[in-house]
């Protein structure tokens, strides 16, 4: 694997992590009270902005982040919460 491929894989992983975090915060916000809900929504929005930044970096390198597919573990974590 070339250095450029390693960098792209790392940026793609970071993008995926940000998307997963945003989804988790949105799920927590859905279940939270009013005060916590606002904070959690802001956190989700921040994670989504981070994901956009990583997607832009990938595009600058000539790649795309691809389609986000939630893993079984991610779904289970959201369900357990």
Protein backbone atom coordinates (compact mmCIF):
# COMPACT_ATOMS: atom_id res chain seq x y z
CA UNK A 1 0.00 0.00 0.00
CA UNK A 2 1.49 3.34 -1.03
CA UNK A 3 1.78 6.28 1.33
CA UNK A 4 -1.00 8.10 -0.54
CA UNK A 5 -3.28 5.08 -0.21
CA UNK A 6 -2.55 4.90 3.51
CA UNK A 7 -3.38 8.58 3.92
CA UNK A 8 -6.63 8.18 1.97
CA UNK A 9 -7.59 5.17 4.07
CA UNK A 10 -6.91 7.12 7.27
CA UNK A 11 -8.94 10.11 6.10
CA UNK A 12 -11.77 7.80 4.99
CA UNK A 13 -11.72 6.13 8.43
CA UNK A 14 -11.83 9.55 10.11
CA UNK A 15 -14.80 10.52 7.90
CA UNK A 16 -16.60 7.32 8.86
CA UNK A 17 -15.93 7.86 12.58
CA UNK A 18 -17.33 11.40 12.40
CA UNK A 19 -20.50 10.19 10.67
CA UNK A 20 -20.96 7.42 13.26
CA UNK A 21 -20.46 9.91 16.10
CA UNK A 22 -22.99 12.33 14.62
CA UNK A 23 -25.57 9.56 14.37
CA UNK A 24 -24.93 8.54 17.96
CA UNK A 25 -25.33 12.11 19.22
CA UNK A 26 -28.55 12.50 17.23
CA UNK A 27 -29.94 9.30 18.74
CA UNK A 28 -28.99 10.44 22.23
CA UNK A 29 -30.60 13.82 21.54
CA UNK A 30 -33.80 12.10 20.47
CA UNK A 31 -34.01 10.42 23.87
CA UNK A 32 -32.72 13.32 26.01
CA UNK A 33 -34.48 16.09 27.86
CA UNK A 34 -34.65 19.62 26.47
CA UNK A 35 -31.42 20.93 28.03
CA UNK A 36 -29.31 17.98 26.99
CA UNK A 37 -31.01 17.73 23.60
CA UNK A 38 -29.71 21.11 22.46
CA UNK A 39 -26.15 20.26 23.50
CA UNK A 40 -26.25 16.87 21.81
CA UNK A 41 -27.63 18.34 18.59
CA UNK A 42 -24.82 20.89 18.54
CA UNK A 43 -22.30 18.08 19.04
CA UNK A 44 -23.87 16.14 16.16
CA UNK A 45 -23.68 19.23 13.94
CA UNK A 46 -20.01 19.69 14.82
CA UNK A 47 -19.28 16.05 13.93
CA UNK A 48 -21.11 16.48 10.63
CA UNK A 49 -18.94 19.53 9.83
CA UNK A 50 -15.84 17.48 10.62
CA UNK A 51 -17.10 14.75 8.27
CA UNK A 52 -17.58 17.37 5.53
CA UNK A 53 -13.99 18.51 6.05
CA UNK A 54 -12.69 14.95 5.67
CA UNK A 55 -14.86 14.41 2.59
CA UNK A 56 -13.41 17.59 1.05
CA UNK A 57 -9.88 16.35 1.80
CA UNK A 58 -10.64 13.07 0.07
CA UNK A 59 -12.03 14.89 -2.97
CA UNK A 60 -8.88 17.04 -3.09
CA UNK A 61 -6.88 13.79 -3.26
CA UNK A 62 -9.06 12.51 -6.09
CA UNK A 63 -11.11 10.09 -3.98
CA UNK A 64 -14.58 10.00 -2.50
CA UNK A 65 -15.61 8.87 0.98
CA UNK A 66 -18.05 6.40 -0.51
CA UNK A 67 -21.39 5.50 0.99
CA UNK A 68 -21.69 5.28 4.75
CA UNK A 69 -22.97 1.94 5.93
CA UNK A 70 -23.57 1.50 9.61
CA UNK A 71 -21.90 -1.59 11.03
CA UNK A 72 -23.68 -4.12 13.20
CA UNK A 73 -21.67 -2.92 16.21
CA UNK A 74 -22.71 0.71 15.60
CA UNK A 75 -26.37 -0.27 15.31
CA UNK A 76 -26.14 -2.36 18.47
CA UNK A 77 -24.55 0.51 20.41
CA UNK A 78 -27.35 2.86 19.43
CA UNK A 79 -29.97 0.24 20.30
CA UNK A 80 -28.45 -0.45 23.73
CA UNK A 81 -28.41 3.22 24.64
